[in-house]
């Protein structure tokens, strides 16, 4: 199930393009973003997934959302 914005009609992870820009600016073009239901996953391409790891939870409101 992909997320969507009921106001704008956007589908998918709304900040995925911003994440991609940050990765490219940081010199990590070999990282990929992937939508997985409610989550947006970011990680190196062609890496074996670890059994355990960490995750980062990011919260935002319309007031803190950057304009792009």
Protein backbone atom coordinates (compact mmCIF):
# COMPACT_ATOMS: atom_id res chain seq x y z
CA UNK A 1 0.00 0.00 0.00
CA UNK A 2 1.52 3.33 -1.03
CA UNK A 3 0.97 6.42 1.03
CA UNK A 4 -0.79 9.35 -0.50
CA UNK A 5 -1.54 12.94 0.31
CA UNK A 6 -5.33 13.42 0.32
CA UNK A 7 -4.95 17.19 -0.19
CA UNK A 8 -2.53 17.26 -3.14
CA UNK A 9 -3.24 13.82 -4.56
CA UNK A 10 0.49 12.94 -4.50
CA UNK A 11 1.17 9.24 -4.19
CA UNK A 12 4.18 7.45 -2.82
CA UNK A 13 6.63 8.59 -0.16
CA UNK A 14 6.35 12.39 -0.38
CA UNK A 15 9.95 13.15 0.60
CA UNK A 16 11.64 10.40 -1.44
CA UNK A 17 12.87 12.92 -4.05
CA UNK A 18 14.37 15.06 -1.28
CA UNK A 19 16.13 12.02 0.21
CA UNK A 20 17.53 11.21 -3.25
CA UNK A 21 18.90 14.78 -3.60
CA UNK A 22 20.57 14.58 -0.18
CA UNK A 23 22.18 11.24 -1.08
CA UNK A 24 23.46 12.61 -4.40
CA UNK A 25 24.80 15.79 -2.75
CA UNK A 26 26.55 13.68 -0.09
CA UNK A 27 28.38 11.73 -2.79
CA UNK A 28 26.45 8.50 -2.28
CA UNK A 29 24.84 7.92 -5.68
CA UNK A 30 25.30 4.16 -5.19
CA UNK A 31 22.59 4.20 -2.50
CA UNK A 32 18.97 3.51 -3.37
CA UNK A 33 15.60 4.50 -1.97
CA UNK A 34 12.69 2.09 -1.95
CA UNK A 35 9.12 2.46 -0.85
CA UNK A 36 7.81 -0.38 1.28
CA UNK A 37 4.26 0.20 2.46
CA UNK A 38 4.42 2.82 5.18
CA UNK A 39 8.24 2.97 5.14
CA UNK A 40 10.86 4.48 2.88
CA UNK A 41 14.04 2.40 2.92
CA UNK A 42 17.46 3.86 2.13
CA UNK A 43 20.62 1.80 1.77
CA UNK A 44 23.58 0.81 -0.37
CA UNK A 45 22.81 -0.96 -3.64
CA UNK A 46 23.67 -4.67 -3.87
CA UNK A 47 24.34 -5.12 -0.18
CA UNK A 48 23.17 -8.15 1.71
CA UNK A 49 20.52 -7.18 4.25
CA UNK A 50 21.62 -7.57 7.83
CA UNK A 51 19.65 -9.72 10.20
CA UNK A 52 19.79 -6.92 12.76
CA UNK A 53 20.55 -3.26 12.36
CA UNK A 54 19.15 0.13 13.18
CA UNK A 55 16.49 2.39 11.84
CA UNK A 56 15.90 6.09 12.04
CA UNK A 57 12.44 7.47 12.72
CA UNK A 58 11.86 10.96 11.36
CA UNK A 59 8.78 12.98 12.26
CA UNK A 60 7.57 16.15 10.60
CA UNK A 61 4.57 18.44 10.47
CA UNK A 62 3.44 20.65 7.59
CA UNK A 63 5.20 23.56 9.34
CA UNK A 64 8.57 21.79 9.42
CA UNK A 65 8.38 20.39 5.88
CA UNK A 66 10.96 22.00 3.62
CA UNK A 67 9.72 23.70 0.47
CA UNK A 68 10.91 22.15 -2.75
